[in-house]
C-alpha atoms as a PDB file:
ATOM      1  CA  MET A   1     179.614 -50.318  80.276  1.00  0.00           C
ATOM      2  CA  SER A   2     179.675 -47.313  78.917  1.00  0.00           C
ATOM      3  CA  ARG A   3     176.335 -45.585  77.635  1.00  0.00           C
ATOM      4  CA  GLN A   4     175.198 -45.287  74.019  1.00  0.00           C
ATOM      5  CA  LEU A   5     175.146 -41.522  72.690  1.00  0.00           C
ATOM      6  CA  THR A   6     171.662 -39.875  72.457  1.00  0.00           C
ATOM      7  CA  ARG A   7     170.626 -38.752  69.242  1.00  0.00           C
ATOM      8  CA  ASP A   8     169.822 -35.124  71.398  1.00  0.00           C
ATOM      9  CA  GLU A   9     173.779 -35.101  72.133  1.00  0.00           C
ATOM     10  CA  LEU A  10     174.388 -35.929  68.188  1.00  0.00           C
ATOM     11  CA  ALA A  11     172.270 -33.081  67.031  1.00  0.00           C
ATOM     12  CA  VAL A  12     174.457 -30.646  66.689  1.00  0.00           C
ATOM     13  CA  ASP A  13     177.222 -28.408  64.464  1.00  0.00           C
ATOM     14  CA  PRO A  14     179.553 -31.064  62.526  1.00  0.00           C
ATOM     15  CA  VAL A  15     182.381 -28.741  63.981  1.00  0.00           C
ATOM     16  CA  ASP A  16     181.281 -29.345  67.205  1.00  0.00           C
ATOM     17  CA  LEU A  17     179.994 -33.155  67.058  1.00  0.00           C
ATOM     18  CA  ALA A  18     183.876 -33.998  65.410  1.00  0.00           C
ATOM     19  CA  ARG A  19     185.121 -32.863  69.074  1.00  0.00           C
ATOM     20  CA  ARG A  20     182.654 -34.776  70.877  1.00  0.00           C
ATOM     21  CA  LEU A  21     183.590 -37.925  69.007  1.00  0.00           C
ATOM     22  CA  LEU A  22     186.947 -37.728  69.816  1.00  0.00           C
ATOM     23  CA  GLY A  23     187.690 -40.293  72.772  1.00  0.00           C
ATOM     24  CA  CYS A  24     184.113 -42.331  72.248  1.00  0.00           C
ATOM     25  CA  VAL A  25     183.962 -45.767  71.014  1.00  0.00           C
ATOM     26  CA  LEU A  26     182.663 -47.325  68.315  1.00  0.00           C
ATOM     27  CA  GLU A  27     181.417 -51.162  68.573  1.00  0.00           C
ATOM     28  CA  SER A  28     180.474 -53.398  66.024  1.00  0.00           C
ATOM     29  CA  ARG A  29     179.287 -56.881  66.590  1.00  0.00           C
ATOM     30  CA  GLY A  30     178.655 -59.861  63.917  1.00  0.00           C
ATOM     31  CA  GLU A  31     178.988 -63.052  64.032  1.00  0.00           C
ATOM     32  CA  GLN A  32     182.585 -63.104  64.229  1.00  0.00           C
ATOM     33  CA  GLY A  33     182.703 -61.302  67.150  1.00  0.00           C
ATOM     34  CA  THR A  34     183.074 -58.220  68.788  1.00  0.00           C
ATOM     35  CA  VAL A  35     185.638 -55.154  67.670  1.00  0.00           C
ATOM     36  CA  ARG A  36     185.827 -52.198  69.962  1.00  0.00           C
ATOM     37  CA  VAL A  37     187.824 -48.863  68.706  1.00  0.00           C
ATOM     38  CA  ARG A  38     188.065 -45.861  70.367  1.00  0.00           C
ATOM     39  CA  LEU A  39     188.000 -42.829  67.968  1.00  0.00           C
ATOM     40  CA  ALA A  40     191.230 -41.293  67.632  1.00  0.00           C
ATOM     41  CA  GLU A  41     191.164 -39.010  64.723  1.00  0.00           C
ATOM     42  CA  VAL A  42     187.655 -37.407  63.094  1.00  0.00           C
ATOM     43  CA  GLU A  43     186.950 -34.717  59.764  1.00  0.00           C
ATOM     44  CA  ALA A  44     183.911 -32.527  59.959  1.00  0.00           C
ATOM     45  CA  TYR A  45     181.613 -32.196  57.105  1.00  0.00           C
ATOM     46  CA  ARG A  46     178.953 -29.573  56.770  1.00  0.00           C
ATOM     47  CA  GLY A  47     176.544 -29.804  54.092  1.00  0.00           C
ATOM     48  CA  LEU A  48     175.497 -27.133  51.263  1.00  0.00           C
ATOM     49  CA  ASP A  49     178.242 -24.144  52.618  1.00  0.00           C
ATOM     50  CA  ASP A  50     181.056 -26.325  52.667  1.00  0.00           C
ATOM     51  CA  PRO A  51     182.408 -26.866  49.024  1.00  0.00           C
ATOM     52  CA  ALA A  52     184.076 -30.409  50.210  1.00  0.00           C
ATOM     53  CA  SER A  53     180.688 -32.301  51.665  1.00  0.00           C
ATOM     54  CA  HIS A  54     178.879 -34.907  49.571  1.00  0.00           C
ATOM     55  CA  CYS A  55     175.954 -32.911  50.236  1.00  0.00           C
ATOM     56  CA  TYR A  56     177.238 -29.834  49.206  1.00  0.00           C
ATOM     57  CA  ARG A  57     175.267 -29.644  45.480  1.00  0.00           C
ATOM     58  CA  GLY A  58     171.676 -30.940  47.241  1.00  0.00           C
ATOM     59  CA  ARG A  59     170.137 -33.837  48.398  1.00  0.00           C
ATOM     60  CA  THR A  60     170.614 -37.126  46.509  1.00  0.00           C
ATOM     61  CA  PRO A  61     169.935 -40.804  46.754  1.00  0.00           C
ATOM     62  CA  ARG A  62     173.340 -41.884  48.022  1.00  0.00           C
ATOM     63  CA  ASN A  63     174.241 -38.975  50.502  1.00  0.00           C
ATOM     64  CA  ASP A  64     170.231 -39.344  51.823  1.00  0.00           C
ATOM     65  CA  VAL A  65     171.205 -40.474  55.178  1.00  0.00           C
ATOM     66  CA  MET A  66     173.598 -37.811  55.348  1.00  0.00           C
ATOM     67  CA  TRP A  67     170.480 -35.538  55.835  1.00  0.00           C
ATOM     68  CA  GLY A  68     169.082 -36.539  59.024  1.00  0.00           C
ATOM     69  CA  PRO A  69     168.281 -37.731  61.931  1.00  0.00           C
ATOM     70  CA  ALA A  70     171.588 -37.027  63.548  1.00  0.00           C
ATOM     71  CA  GLY A  71     172.920 -40.534  65.043  1.00  0.00           C
ATOM     72  CA  HIS A  72     172.930 -42.643  61.866  1.00  0.00           C
ATOM     73  CA  LEU A  73     175.707 -43.536  60.423  1.00  0.00           C
ATOM     74  CA  TYR A  74     177.077 -42.954  56.433  1.00  0.00           C
ATOM     75  CA  VAL A  75     178.760 -45.051  54.825  1.00  0.00           C
ATOM     76  CA  TYR A  76     179.724 -44.657  50.955  1.00  0.00           C
ATOM     77  CA  PHE A  77     181.803 -46.603  48.803  1.00  0.00           C
ATOM     78  CA  VAL A  78     184.941 -44.782  47.266  1.00  0.00           C
ATOM     79  CA  TYR A  79     187.567 -45.938  44.798  1.00  0.00           C
ATOM     80  CA  GLY A  80     185.723 -48.764  43.982  1.00  0.00           C
ATOM     81  CA  MET A  81     187.202 -50.502  46.569  1.00  0.00           C
ATOM     82  CA  HIS A  82     186.564 -48.609  50.078  1.00  0.00           C
ATOM     83  CA  PHE A  83     184.065 -47.837  52.330  1.00  0.00           C
ATOM     84  CA  CYS A  84     184.011 -45.011  54.604  1.00  0.00           C
ATOM     85  CA  ALA A  85     181.857 -44.244  57.627  1.00  0.00           C
ATOM     86  CA  ASN A  86     180.809 -40.931  58.459  1.00  0.00           C
ATOM     87  CA  ILE A  87     178.188 -40.231  61.621  1.00  0.00           C
ATOM     88  CA  VAL A  88     175.652 -37.923  61.170  1.00  0.00           C
ATOM     89  CA  GLY A  89     174.979 -34.584  63.244  1.00  0.00           C
ATOM     90  CA  LEU A  90     172.553 -31.674  63.170  1.00  0.00           C
ATOM     91  CA  THR A  91     168.955 -32.366  63.053  1.00  0.00           C
ATOM     92  CA  ASP A  92     166.787 -34.152  60.354  1.00  0.00           C
ATOM     93  CA  GLY A  93     166.861 -32.117  57.158  1.00  0.00           C
ATOM     94  CA  GLN A  94     169.840 -30.392  57.581  1.00  0.00           C
ATOM     95  CA  PRO A  95     172.559 -31.786  56.136  1.00  0.00           C
ATOM     96  CA  GLY A  96     176.433 -32.512  58.008  1.00  0.00           C
ATOM     97  CA  ALA A  97     178.068 -35.673  59.430  1.00  0.00           C
ATOM     98  CA  VAL A  98     181.990 -36.373  60.885  1.00  0.00           C
ATOM     99  CA  LEU A  99     183.977 -38.353  58.814  1.00  0.00           C
ATOM    100  CA  LEU A 100     185.884 -41.123  61.257  1.00  0.00           C
ATOM    101  CA  ARG A 101     189.573 -41.538  60.189  1.00  0.00           C
ATOM    102  CA  ALA A 102     190.862 -44.224  62.477  1.00  0.00           C
ATOM    103  CA  GLY A 103     190.602 -45.491  66.143  1.00  0.00           C
ATOM    104  CA  GLU A 104     192.626 -47.449  68.961  1.00  0.00           C
ATOM    105  CA  VAL A 105     191.504 -51.259  68.953  1.00  0.00           C
ATOM    106  CA  LEU A 106     190.071 -51.957  72.537  1.00  0.00           C
ATOM    107  CA  GLU A 107     188.395 -54.975  72.162  1.00  0.00           C
ATOM    108  CA  GLY A 108     188.456 -57.634  69.413  1.00  0.00           C
ATOM    109  CA  THR A 109     192.381 -57.240  68.564  1.00  0.00           C
ATOM    110  CA  GLU A 110     192.873 -60.873  67.620  1.00  0.00           C
ATOM    111  CA  LEU A 111     189.633 -60.258  64.616  1.00  0.00           C
ATOM    112  CA  ALA A 112     190.626 -57.012  64.155  1.00  0.00           C
ATOM    113  CA  ARG A 113     193.822 -57.766  62.887  1.00  0.00           C
ATOM    114  CA  SER A 114     192.740 -60.833  61.105  1.00  0.00           C
ATOM    115  CA  ARG A 115     190.887 -57.923  59.024  1.00  0.00           C
ATOM    116  CA  ARG A 116     193.996 -56.058  58.487  1.00  0.00           C
ATOM    117  CA  PRO A 117     196.668 -58.441  58.717  1.00  0.00           C
ATOM    118  CA  THR A 118     199.067 -56.392  56.748  1.00  0.00           C
ATOM    119  CA  ALA A 119     199.049 -53.748  59.619  1.00  0.00           C
ATOM    120  CA  ARG A 120     202.819 -52.669  61.151  1.00  0.00           C
ATOM    121  CA  GLY A 121     201.980 -52.499  64.698  1.00  0.00           C
ATOM    122  CA  ASN A 122     199.194 -52.380  67.120  1.00  0.00           C
ATOM    123  CA  GLY A 123     198.484 -48.273  66.376  1.00  0.00           C
ATOM    124  CA  ALA A 124     198.119 -49.261  62.769  1.00  0.00           C
ATOM    125  CA  VAL A 125     195.559 -51.922  63.207  1.00  0.00           C
ATOM    126  CA  ALA A 126     192.687 -49.063  62.269  1.00  0.00           C
ATOM    127  CA  LYS A 127     194.820 -45.879  60.936  1.00  0.00           C
ATOM    128  CA  GLY A 128     192.859 -44.161  58.154  1.00  0.00           C
ATOM    129  CA  PRO A 129     188.915 -44.328  57.036  1.00  0.00           C
ATOM    130  CA  ALA A 130     188.631 -47.601  54.769  1.00  0.00           C
ATOM    131  CA  VAL A 131     190.977 -49.337  57.058  1.00  0.00           C
ATOM    132  CA  LEU A 132     188.657 -48.337  59.791  1.00  0.00           C
ATOM    133  CA  THR A 133     185.500 -49.767  58.539  1.00  0.00           C
ATOM    134  CA  SER A 134     187.491 -52.369  57.492  1.00  0.00           C
ATOM    135  CA  VAL A 135     188.537 -53.883  61.070  1.00  0.00           C
ATOM    136  CA  LEU A 136     184.989 -53.033  62.232  1.00  0.00           C
ATOM    137  CA  GLY A 137     183.337 -54.891  59.379  1.00  0.00           C
ATOM    138  CA  VAL A 138     181.485 -52.442  58.567  1.00  0.00           C
ATOM    139  CA  ASP A 139     180.185 -52.041  54.848  1.00  0.00           C
ATOM    140  CA  ARG A 140     177.467 -50.643  52.795  1.00  0.00           C
ATOM    141  CA  ALA A 141     174.953 -53.019  54.095  1.00  0.00           C
ATOM    142  CA  HIS A 142     175.334 -50.675  57.251  1.00  0.00           C
ATOM    143  CA  ASN A 143     175.014 -47.516  55.440  1.00  0.00           C
ATOM    144  CA  GLY A 144     171.820 -45.703  57.876  1.00  0.00           C
ATOM    145  CA  ILE A 145     172.239 -47.942  60.857  1.00  0.00           C
ATOM    146  CA  ASP A 146     170.839 -45.834  64.148  1.00  0.00           C
ATOM    147  CA  LEU A 147     174.000 -45.575  66.200  1.00  0.00           C
ATOM    148  CA  THR A 148     171.590 -44.482  69.155  1.00  0.00           C
ATOM    149  CA  ASP A 149     169.642 -47.956  68.939  1.00  0.00           C
ATOM    150  CA  PRO A 150     170.396 -50.217  71.781  1.00  0.00           C
ATOM    151  CA  ASP A 151     169.625 -53.590  69.186  1.00  0.00           C
ATOM    152  CA  ALA A 152     171.900 -52.117  67.050  1.00  0.00           C
ATOM    153  CA  SER A 153     175.155 -54.210  64.904  1.00  0.00           C
ATOM    154  CA  VAL A 154     177.261 -50.591  65.771  1.00  0.00           C
ATOM    155  CA  ARG A 155     176.321 -49.007  68.369  1.00  0.00           C
ATOM    156  CA  LEU A 156     178.124 -45.254  69.965  1.00  0.00           C
ATOM    157  CA  LEU A 157     179.503 -45.087  73.253  1.00  0.00           C
ATOM    158  CA  ASP A 158     180.329 -43.003  75.227  1.00  0.00           C
ATOM    159  CA  GLY A 159     184.440 -42.386  76.406  1.00  0.00           C
ATOM    160  CA  PRO A 160     186.629 -40.262  78.933  1.00  0.00           C
ATOM    161  CA  ARG A 161     186.191 -36.853  77.544  1.00  0.00           C
ATOM    162  CA  VAL A 162     189.611 -35.735  76.127  1.00  0.00           C
ATOM    163  CA  PRO A 163     191.531 -32.745  77.356  1.00  0.00           C
ATOM    164  CA  GLU A 164     191.467 -29.470  75.325  1.00  0.00           C
ATOM    165  CA  GLU A 165     195.125 -29.528  75.469  1.00  0.00           C
ATOM    166  CA  GLN A 166     195.253 -32.690  74.362  1.00  0.00           C
ATOM    167  CA  ILE A 167     193.256 -32.057  71.040  1.00  0.00           C
ATOM    168  CA  ARG A 168     194.312 -31.132  67.979  1.00  0.00           C
ATOM    169  CA  THR A 169     193.255 -29.620  64.495  1.00  0.00           C
ATOM    170  CA  GLY A 170     194.765 -28.965  60.910  1.00  0.00           C
ATOM    171  CA  PRO A 171     193.305 -29.670  57.062  1.00  0.00           C
ATOM    172  CA  ARG A 172     191.430 -31.876  55.890  1.00  0.00           C
ATOM    173  CA  VAL A 173     193.272 -34.748  54.083  1.00  0.00           C
ATOM    174  CA  GLY A 174     191.990 -35.493  50.114  1.00  0.00           C
ATOM    175  CA  VAL A 175     189.682 -32.713  49.712  1.00  0.00           C
ATOM    176  CA  ALA A 176     189.145 -31.456  46.105  1.00  0.00           C
ATOM    177  CA  ALA A 177     188.099 -27.637  47.623  1.00  0.00           C
ATOM    178  CA  ALA A 178     187.923 -25.816  51.586  1.00  0.00           C
ATOM    179  CA  MET A 179     191.441 -27.984  51.836  1.00  0.00           C
ATOM    180  CA  ASP A 180     192.310 -25.066  54.342  1.00  0.00           C
ATOM    181  CA  ILE A 181     189.353 -25.096  56.709  1.00  0.00           C
ATOM    182  CA  PRO A 182     191.212 -27.168  60.051  1.00  0.00           C
ATOM    183  CA  TRP A 183     188.612 -29.238  60.015  1.00  0.00           C
ATOM    184  CA  ARG A 184     190.569 -32.506  60.929  1.00  0.00           C
ATOM    185  CA  PHE A 185     190.730 -33.303  64.428  1.00  0.00           C
ATOM    186  CA  TRP A 186     192.552 -35.857  66.675  1.00  0.00           C
ATOM    187  CA  ILE A 187     193.812 -37.070  69.735  1.00  0.00           C
ATOM    188  CA  ASP A 188     197.328 -35.727  70.135  1.00  0.00           C
ATOM    189  CA  GLY A 189     200.189 -38.474  70.838  1.00  0.00           C
ATOM    190  CA  SER A 190     198.117 -40.940  69.746  1.00  0.00           C
ATOM    191  CA  PRO A 191     199.618 -43.784  67.618  1.00  0.00           C
ATOM    192  CA  ALA A 192     196.482 -44.268  65.381  1.00  0.00           C
ATOM    193  CA  VAL A 193     196.183 -40.955  63.797  1.00  0.00           C
ATOM    194  CA  SER A 194     197.269 -40.725  60.235  1.00  0.00           C
ATOM    195  CA  THR A 195     200.823 -38.430  58.992  1.00  0.00           C
ATOM    196  CA  TYR A 196     199.301 -35.296  57.341  1.00  0.00           C
ATOM    197  CA  ARG A 197     201.437 -34.963  53.815  1.00  0.00           C
ATOM    198  CA  ARG A 198     199.597 -31.693  51.931  1.00  0.00           C
ATOM    199  CA  GLY A 199     199.548 -32.205  48.095  1.00  0.00           C
ATOM    200  CA  GLY A 200     201.017 -36.080  48.541  1.00  0.00           C
ATOM    201  CA  ARG A 201     199.190 -38.784  47.601  1.00  0.00           C
ATOM    202  CA  VAL A 202     195.948 -40.066  49.010  1.00  0.00           C
ATOM    203  CA  ARG A 203     194.897 -43.614  48.733  1.00  0.00           C
ATOM    204  CA  ALA A 204     191.031 -42.699  50.201  1.00  0.00           C
ATOM    205  CA  ARG A 205     189.137 -40.038  49.553  1.00  0.00           C
ATOM    206  CA  ALA A 206     188.281 -38.386  53.319  1.00  0.00           C
ATOM    207  CA  GLU A 207     185.238 -36.525  52.094  1.00  0.00           C
ATOM    208  CA  GLY A 208     181.757 -37.090  54.504  1.00  0.00           C
END
């Protein structure tokens, strides 16, 4: 069984953390069962120096979790219908997080598909930030959960490192500011990675 990542490993700059998270496994356990997803696409968001970040204008009750400590899950509601999840980085009092955009289901496929019955093919089951949280059963109740806690219902596990030559970068999706900063990272060739269309319609705002 893979080991859990530690808080010290996650307490780094979100850009570095984004690369580190590729290939890691997010495990969600609940009454219905367990779903494990290998992270295949993420986006980095800093804090006061990142106009696209939820923390750009300061600390609020909504973004409080994003200010640390590292290793917690920051979950927010978007468009009145979707949840998006982020993993907090940096150290306590310094805001920064990585938005989880897509993953490949490793365990609990049947449960995952029951939560996303309209997905076309196994590669699309956890494709997109709102879809990913739905497949994992993550919602507002999981905001602030400590992913490094062995007893947590959602845990972050280490996985085989993705070779640097397989990591691709590009602009973040659906942001209204700093849109050209290449802080979206993904595993080249993964069927879970979303298709980027500059200026196209965005179904869920991908902010962290």
